[in-house]
């Protein structure tokens, strides 16, 4: 057996099928080709965004106002409901515990 820095009897390090071989600089794609590919991908991404945004059916001003008012009313309604339920549970627990807090 071959002695390695890890200790005697440890197998020497080899390129196995489970471990990819390291790439030498000659095997790597040129930096400009990578930048060009990334640039094209980015441009295509933003073109897709613009294309999708043109397909959107935007609501009218009246629809925006109605949706905003409905949202505010629902938020206030849920807040008031939560407050009332909290008061009710507080009163129930206060009654059950004899007023101790």
Protein backbone atom coordinates (compact mmCIF):
# COMPACT_ATOMS: atom_id res chain seq x y z
CA UNK A 1 0.00 0.00 0.00
CA UNK A 2 1.02 3.52 -0.71
CA UNK A 3 1.54 6.01 2.10
CA UNK A 4 -0.30 9.34 1.68
CA UNK A 5 -0.41 12.55 3.71
CA UNK A 6 -3.68 11.34 5.28
CA UNK A 7 -1.93 8.42 6.86
CA UNK A 8 -0.44 5.08 5.98
CA UNK A 9 -2.73 2.70 4.19
CA UNK A 10 -5.14 5.36 2.87
CA UNK A 11 -5.79 5.01 -0.85
CA UNK A 12 -4.20 7.54 -3.13
CA UNK A 13 -6.55 10.14 -4.58
CA UNK A 14 -7.67 9.41 -8.12
CA UNK A 15 -10.28 10.74 -10.50
CA UNK A 16 -13.18 8.37 -10.02
CA UNK A 17 -16.42 8.33 -12.01
CA UNK A 18 -18.16 9.89 -9.00
CA UNK A 19 -15.78 12.84 -8.93
CA UNK A 20 -15.56 15.03 -12.02
CA UNK A 21 -12.14 15.84 -13.32
CA UNK A 22 -10.98 19.37 -12.69
CA UNK A 23 -11.22 21.62 -15.69
CA UNK A 24 -8.06 23.12 -16.99
CA UNK A 25 -8.19 26.73 -18.21
CA UNK A 26 -8.09 25.44 -21.80
CA UNK A 27 -11.36 23.49 -21.27
CA UNK A 28 -13.32 26.45 -19.84
CA UNK A 29 -15.43 28.60 -22.16
CA UNK A 30 -14.06 32.03 -22.91
CA UNK A 31 -15.17 34.76 -20.52
CA UNK A 32 -16.61 36.84 -23.35
CA UNK A 33 -18.75 33.92 -24.54
CA UNK A 34 -20.13 33.45 -21.03
CA UNK A 35 -20.87 37.17 -20.71
CA UNK A 36 -22.57 37.21 -24.10
CA UNK A 37 -24.71 34.20 -23.19
CA UNK A 38 -25.66 35.77 -19.84
CA UNK A 39 -26.44 39.08 -21.52
CA UNK A 40 -28.73 37.40 -24.05
CA UNK A 41 -30.48 35.45 -21.30
CA UNK A 42 -31.03 38.64 -19.29
CA UNK A 43 -32.37 40.50 -22.32
CA UNK A 44 -34.73 37.62 -23.11
CA UNK A 45 -35.93 37.60 -19.50
CA UNK A 46 -36.82 41.30 -19.58
CA UNK A 47 -38.45 40.97 -23.00
CA UNK A 48 -40.63 38.23 -21.53
CA UNK A 49 -41.59 40.50 -18.63
CA UNK A 50 -42.57 43.32 -20.99
CA UNK A 51 -44.54 40.89 -23.15
CA UNK A 52 -46.47 39.55 -20.16
CA UNK A 53 -47.16 43.04 -18.81
CA UNK A 54 -48.71 44.03 -22.13
CA UNK A 55 -51.15 41.11 -21.85
CA UNK A 56 -52.41 42.22 -18.44
CA UNK A 57 -55.90 43.66 -18.30
CA UNK A 58 -55.52 46.62 -15.96
CA UNK A 59 -58.51 47.75 -13.88
CA UNK A 60 -60.14 51.12 -14.51
CA UNK A 61 -59.91 53.98 -12.03
CA UNK A 62 -63.38 53.19 -10.68
CA UNK A 63 -62.41 49.56 -10.12
CA UNK A 64 -59.23 50.63 -8.27
CA UNK A 65 -61.21 52.94 -6.01
CA UNK A 66 -63.89 50.31 -5.30
CA UNK A 67 -61.26 47.65 -4.51
CA UNK A 68 -59.37 50.04 -2.22
CA UNK A 69 -62.51 51.01 -0.31
CA UNK A 70 -63.52 47.36 0.03
CA UNK A 71 -60.06 46.47 1.35
CA UNK A 72 -60.09 49.26 3.94
CA UNK A 73 -63.62 48.33 5.08
CA UNK A 74 -62.70 44.66 5.41
CA UNK A 75 -59.52 45.43 7.37
CA UNK A 76 -61.42 47.68 9.77
CA UNK A 77 -64.18 45.06 10.07
CA UNK A 78 -61.73 42.28 10.91
CA UNK A 79 -60.01 44.56 13.42
CA UNK A 80 -63.28 45.41 15.18
CA UNK A 81 -64.31 41.73 15.19
CA UNK A 82 -60.97 40.72 16.72
CA UNK A 83 -61.29 43.45 19.36
CA UNK A 84 -64.83 42.33 20.33
CA UNK A 85 -63.82 38.66 20.51
CA UNK A 86 -60.80 39.61 22.64
CA UNK A 87 -63.05 41.56 25.04
CA UNK A 88 -65.48 38.63 25.23
CA UNK A 89 -62.77 36.08 25.98
CA UNK A 90 -61.22 38.46 28.51
CA UNK A 91 -64.54 38.77 30.30
CA UNK A 92 -65.10 35.00 30.24
CA UNK A 93 -61.65 34.22 31.64
CA UNK A 94 -61.98 36.99 34.20
CA UNK A 95 -65.28 35.48 35.35
CA UNK A 96 -63.81 31.96 35.48
CA UNK A 97 -60.72 33.00 37.45
CA UNK A 98 -62.60 35.28 39.84
CA UNK A 99 -61.24 38.53 38.42
CA UNK A 100 -57.54 37.63 38.90
CA UNK A 101 -55.21 38.70 36.13
